[in-house]
Amino acid sequence: MLKNKTLFKPRILIWFSCGAASAVAAKTAIGCFQREDIEVIYCDTLKYEHPDNIRFLDIISEWIGREIKILKSTKYNDIMECFRGERFLVGPHGAPCTRLMKKQVRLDYASGLDVHVFGLTADEPKRIKQSEADNPQLWCEWVLRDAGITKKDCYRILQEAGIELPMMYRMGYKNNNCIGCVKGGAGYWNKIRQDFPERFEEMAALEKEIGGYICKLNKKRIRLFDLPYGMGRYNEEDIECGTLCVAVEAA
């Protein structure tokens, strides 16, 4: 762990995403490192996340005994402004909202001497390996992996602490991203169409405005307005959104 690696005292930055895993990562890291100056940071995309995330952020702050610092993009106020400004939604290398409102915010705040804690779990070895390959300059402490804590364990740990999971999890979503994440596939967007029809319509209109499309049919991009009902298997999809900007192509 960190205390055995170095004699100097770098900052420890924990990147909280309003997800279950990053919450447990924060609790675990604070317990491991036993330092009062640890920073827990959230890159602000709250406007298009579920309103219940404000409750979750506040209760996690109480649980870990630390204020969660909120950092904002200096270029865009929210994800829709970002999409319009960049004239782009999503592609093989990810989405502009993640790159500019999360990863760039982290890069602007951090220094090369900082230690970073992210919410990747013991059952995500490929994602951890890819993250290390994509970000060789980062000093990361994978506290969940090292403790053998899986995604399922994170849900259990929060529930045992009396913390209700964010609403998106309770509605059957596997991630707590913005409502209508552009990195989701057909199954995800059909679920959004059912649960949040206004957001589906808003994103479909934005596709038309920008001229870019999120989902695919027969390996070709298809408009949300043309997405067949029932298409896709959301249980087989995975969406990653965080300050590491791990690229996950929307299927």
Protein backbone atom coordinates (compact mmCIF):
# COMPACT_ATOMS: atom_id res chain seq x y z
CA MET A 1 0.00 0.00 0.00
CA LEU A 2 0.90 3.67 -0.25
CA LYS A 3 2.68 4.02 3.11
CA ASN A 4 5.24 1.39 2.10
CA LYS A 5 6.03 2.92 -1.29
CA THR A 6 7.34 6.36 -0.48
CA LEU A 7 8.88 8.64 2.11
CA PHE A 8 7.27 11.82 0.79
CA LYS A 9 3.63 12.71 1.32
CA PRO A 10 1.70 13.03 -1.94
CA ARG A 11 -1.92 14.08 -2.09
CA ILE A 12 -4.41 11.21 -2.10
CA LEU A 13 -7.31 11.97 -4.44
CA ILE A 14 -10.38 9.74 -4.35
CA TRP A 15 -12.59 10.16 -7.42
CA PHE A 16 -16.23 9.72 -6.42
CA SER A 17 -18.81 9.25 -9.19
CA CYS A 18 -22.06 8.88 -7.20
CA GLY A 19 -21.82 5.16 -7.88
CA ALA A 20 -21.75 2.35 -5.34
CA ALA A 21 -18.20 1.21 -6.11
CA SER A 22 -16.61 4.65 -5.83
CA ALA A 23 -18.44 5.18 -2.52
CA VAL A 24 -17.00 1.98 -1.07
CA ALA A 25 -13.59 2.80 -2.58
CA ALA A 26 -13.64 6.10 -0.69
CA LYS A 27 -14.55 4.39 2.60
CA THR A 28 -11.91 1.69 2.06
CA ALA A 29 -9.13 4.13 1.11
CA ILE A 30 -9.80 6.41 4.07
CA GLY A 31 -9.62 3.40 6.37
CA CYS A 32 -6.42 2.12 4.77
CA PHE A 33 -4.42 5.33 4.57
CA GLN A 34 -5.54 6.94 7.86
CA ARG A 35 -4.84 10.49 6.70
CA GLU A 36 -6.95 13.53 7.48
CA ASP A 37 -5.93 15.34 4.31
CA ILE A 38 -7.38 12.81 1.86
CA GLU A 39 -9.53 14.54 -0.75
CA VAL A 40 -12.74 13.01 -2.09
CA ILE A 41 -13.73 14.64 -5.37
CA TYR A 42 -16.78 14.56 -7.62
CA CYS A 43 -16.71 15.96 -11.18
CA ASP A 44 -20.05 17.67 -11.62
CA THR A 45 -22.60 16.20 -14.05
CA LEU A 46 -25.47 16.31 -11.54
CA LYS A 47 -27.84 18.26 -13.78
CA TYR A 48 -28.58 15.21 -15.96
CA GLU A 49 -28.18 12.55 -13.27
CA HIS A 50 -31.11 11.31 -11.22
CA PRO A 51 -32.11 13.84 -8.50
CA ASP A 52 -31.64 11.09 -5.90
CA ASN A 53 -27.87 11.36 -6.47
CA ILE A 54 -27.81 14.52 -4.33
CA ARG A 55 -29.13 12.46 -1.40
CA PHE A 56 -26.58 9.74 -2.08
CA LEU A 57 -23.68 12.20 -2.30
CA ASP A 58 -24.67 13.81 1.01
CA ILE A 59 -25.12 10.53 2.88
CA ILE A 60 -21.83 9.14 1.56
CA SER A 61 -20.08 12.29 2.75
CA GLU A 62 -21.47 11.60 6.23
CA TRP A 63 -20.53 7.90 6.04
CA ILE A 64 -16.91 8.49 5.07
CA GLY A 65 -16.51 11.49 7.37
CA ARG A 66 -15.23 13.76 4.61
CA GLU A 67 -16.59 16.64 2.60
CA ILE A 68 -16.92 15.69 -1.06
CA LYS A 69 -15.38 18.44 -3.15
CA ILE A 70 -17.30 19.24 -6.33
CA LEU A 71 -15.26 20.31 -9.35
CA LYS A 72 -16.85 21.79 -12.45
CA SER A 73 -15.77 22.04 -16.05
CA THR A 74 -14.61 25.52 -17.01
CA LYS A 75 -15.78 24.97 -20.58
CA TYR A 76 -19.28 23.49 -20.29
CA ASN A 77 -22.08 23.77 -17.73
CA ASP A 78 -23.74 20.44 -18.52
CA ILE A 79 -23.58 17.47 -20.87
CA MET A 80 -26.09 18.80 -23.40
CA GLU A 81 -24.11 22.01 -23.76
CA CYS A 82 -21.02 19.83 -24.21
CA PHE A 83 -22.62 17.77 -26.99
CA ARG A 84 -23.77 20.89 -28.80
CA GLY A 85 -20.42 22.62 -28.38
CA GLU A 86 -18.44 19.63 -29.64
CA ARG A 87 -21.03 18.65 -32.28
CA PHE A 88 -20.42 15.04 -31.29
CA LEU A 89 -22.15 12.38 -29.16
CA VAL A 90 -20.14 9.15 -28.99
CA GLY A 91 -17.65 7.02 -30.91
CA PRO A 92 -15.09 4.22 -30.53
CA HIS A 93 -13.00 6.35 -28.15
CA GLY A 94 -15.82 7.37 -25.85
CA ALA A 95 -17.90 10.50 -25.39
CA PRO A 96 -17.03 14.20 -25.10
CA CYS A 97 -18.93 14.59 -21.82
CA THR A 98 -16.66 12.05 -20.10
CA ARG A 99 -13.52 13.40 -21.72
CA LEU A 100 -14.15 17.10 -21.09
CA MET A 101 -16.34 17.19 -17.98
CA LYS A 102 -14.63 14.41 -16.05
CA LYS A 103 -11.20 13.45 -17.37
CA GLN A 104 -10.13 17.00 -18.28
CA VAL A 105 -11.37 18.30 -14.94
CA ARG A 106 -9.22 15.67 -13.22
CA LEU A 107 -6.18 16.55 -15.34
CA ASP A 108 -6.58 20.24 -14.56
CA TYR A 109 -6.82 19.60 -10.82
CA ALA A 110 -4.23 16.86 -10.31
CA SER A 111 -0.45 16.88 -10.43
CA GLY A 112 1.99 14.18 -11.44
CA LEU A 113 2.78 13.43 -7.79
CA ASP A 114 -0.78 12.65 -6.71
CA VAL A 115 -2.08 9.21 -5.77
CA HIS A 116 -5.44 8.38 -7.36
CA VAL A 117 -8.18 6.08 -6.07
CA PHE A 118 -10.92 4.97 -8.47
CA GLY A 119 -13.92 2.70 -7.98
CA LEU A 120 -12.85 -0.25 -10.12
CA THR A 121 -13.49 -3.55 -8.37
CA ALA A 122 -11.86 -6.95 -7.96
CA ASP A 123 -14.07 -8.39 -10.71
CA GLU A 124 -12.89 -5.80 -13.26
CA PRO A 125 -9.26 -6.88 -13.92
CA LYS A 126 -9.47 -6.18 -17.66
CA ARG A 127 -10.74 -2.64 -17.08
CA ILE A 128 -8.01 -2.01 -14.51
CA LYS A 129 -5.37 -3.31 -16.92
CA GLN A 130 -6.74 -1.15 -19.72
CA SER A 131 -6.85 1.88 -17.44
CA GLU A 132 -3.20 1.39 -16.51
CA ALA A 133 -2.24 1.00 -20.18
CA ASP A 134 -4.15 4.15 -21.16
CA ASN A 135 -2.85 6.21 -18.22
CA PRO A 136 0.73 5.07 -17.52
CA GLN A 137 1.56 8.40 -15.87
CA LEU A 138 -0.97 7.90 -13.07
CA TRP A 139 -0.08 6.50 -9.66
CA CYS A 140 -3.21 4.47 -8.84
CA GLU A 141 -4.10 2.55 -5.71
CA TRP A 142 -6.72 -0.10 -6.57
CA VAL A 143 -8.08 -0.43 -3.06
CA LEU A 144 -11.15 -2.46 -4.03
CA ARG A 145 -9.17 -4.93 -6.11
CA ASP A 146 -6.54 -5.33 -3.41
CA ALA A 147 -9.23 -5.94 -0.78
CA GLY A 148 -11.02 -8.45 -3.02
CA ILE A 149 -14.18 -6.31 -3.12
CA THR A 150 -16.49 -6.93 -6.09
CA LYS A 151 -19.35 -4.83 -7.46
CA LYS A 152 -21.85 -7.07 -5.69
CA ASP A 153 -19.89 -6.64 -2.47
CA CYS A 154 -20.19 -2.86 -2.83
CA TYR A 155 -23.99 -3.07 -2.93
CA ARG A 156 -23.96 -5.33 0.12
CA ILE A 157 -21.56 -3.10 2.09
CA LEU A 158 -23.74 -0.04 1.51
CA GLN A 159 -26.93 -1.87 2.40
CA GLU A 160 -25.36 -3.28 5.57
CA ALA A 161 -24.38 0.29 6.49
CA GLY A 162 -28.05 1.27 6.18
CA ILE A 163 -27.44 3.31 3.01
CA GLU A 164 -30.11 3.04 0.34
CA LEU A 165 -28.64 2.52 -3.10
CA PRO A 166 -29.11 5.30 -5.68
CA MET A 167 -32.46 5.25 -7.45
CA MET A 168 -31.00 4.20 -10.81
CA TYR A 169 -29.75 0.94 -9.28
CA ARG A 170 -33.14 0.39 -7.67
CA MET A 171 -34.77 0.85 -11.08
CA GLY A 172 -32.66 -1.95 -12.53
CA TYR A 173 -29.76 0.01 -14.04
CA LYS A 174 -26.26 -1.38 -13.59
CA ASN A 175 -24.61 2.04 -13.48
CA ASN A 176 -25.50 5.39 -11.97
CA ASN A 177 -24.58 7.54 -14.96
CA CYS A 178 -26.50 10.47 -16.41
CA ILE A 179 -30.05 9.61 -17.38
CA GLY A 180 -29.66 8.75 -21.01
CA CYS A 181 -25.93 7.94 -21.23
CA VAL A 182 -24.67 8.16 -24.82
CA LYS A 183 -22.42 5.16 -24.23
CA GLY A 184 -25.44 2.90 -23.75
CA GLY A 185 -26.61 0.50 -26.44
CA ALA A 186 -30.01 -0.41 -27.86
CA GLY A 187 -31.18 -2.36 -24.80
CA TYR A 188 -30.24 0.47 -22.49
CA TRP A 189 -31.97 3.09 -24.62
CA ASN A 190 -35.15 1.03 -24.87
CA LYS A 191 -35.15 0.91 -21.07
CA ILE A 192 -34.62 4.69 -20.95
CA ARG A 193 -37.50 5.11 -23.41
CA GLN A 194 -39.74 3.20 -21.01
CA ASP A 195 -38.54 4.75 -17.73
CA PHE A 196 -37.67 8.30 -18.83
CA PRO A 197 -39.55 9.05 -22.07
CA GLU A 198 -38.82 12.78 -21.86
CA ARG A 199 -35.07 12.17 -21.77
CA PHE A 200 -35.36 9.72 -24.67
CA GLU A 201 -37.20 12.33 -26.75
CA GLU A 202 -34.72 15.04 -25.78
CA MET A 203 -31.74 12.93 -26.84
CA ALA A 204 -33.43 11.81 -30.04
CA ALA A 205 -34.02 15.47 -30.92
CA LEU A 206 -30.38 16.26 -30.15
CA GLU A 207 -29.26 13.48 -32.49
CA LYS A 208 -31.23 15.14 -35.28
CA GLU A 209 -29.82 18.55 -34.40
CA ILE A 210 -26.19 17.40 -34.37
CA GLY A 211 -26.44 14.75 -37.05
CA GLY A 212 -24.83 12.03 -34.93
CA TYR A 213 -26.37 8.81 -33.66
CA ILE A 214 -25.88 6.71 -30.53
CA CYS A 215 -27.12 3.17 -31.23
CA LYS A 216 -26.31 0.65 -33.94
CA LEU A 217 -28.32 -1.74 -36.10
CA ASN A 218 -26.39 -4.23 -38.24
CA LYS A 219 -23.16 -2.39 -37.35
CA LYS A 220 -24.51 0.91 -38.64
CA ARG A 221 -25.62 3.86 -36.56
CA ILE A 222 -29.38 4.24 -36.22
CA ARG A 223 -31.47 7.17 -35.00
CA LEU A 224 -33.16 6.80 -31.63
CA PHE A 225 -36.39 7.77 -33.39
CA ASP A 226 -35.97 4.61 -35.53
CA LEU A 227 -34.87 2.28 -32.72
CA PRO A 228 -37.17 -0.79 -32.76
CA TYR A 229 -39.00 -1.42 -29.51
CA GLY A 230 -37.57 -4.46 -27.74
CA MET A 231 -34.24 -4.32 -29.57
CA GLY A 232 -31.13 -5.03 -27.51
CA ARG A 233 -30.33 -6.88 -24.31
CA TYR A 234 -29.54 -4.45 -21.56
CA ASN A 235 -28.33 -7.22 -19.24
CA GLU A 236 -25.46 -7.87 -21.69
CA GLU A 237 -24.39 -4.21 -21.93
CA ASP A 238 -21.78 -2.45 -19.83
CA ILE A 239 -21.26 1.29 -19.55
CA GLU A 240 -18.28 2.97 -17.93
CA CYS A 241 -18.18 6.68 -17.16
CA GLY A 242 -15.54 8.23 -14.99
CA THR A 243 -12.45 10.40 -14.78
CA LEU A 244 -10.31 7.60 -16.26
CA CYS A 245 -12.29 7.88 -19.50
CA VAL A 246 -12.16 4.16 -20.25
CA ALA A 247 -13.47 3.82 -23.79
CA VAL A 248 -16.49 1.57 -24.07
CA GLU A 249 -18.14 1.54 -27.48
CA ALA A 250 -21.91 1.77 -27.47
CA ALA A 251 -23.24 -1.37 -29.17
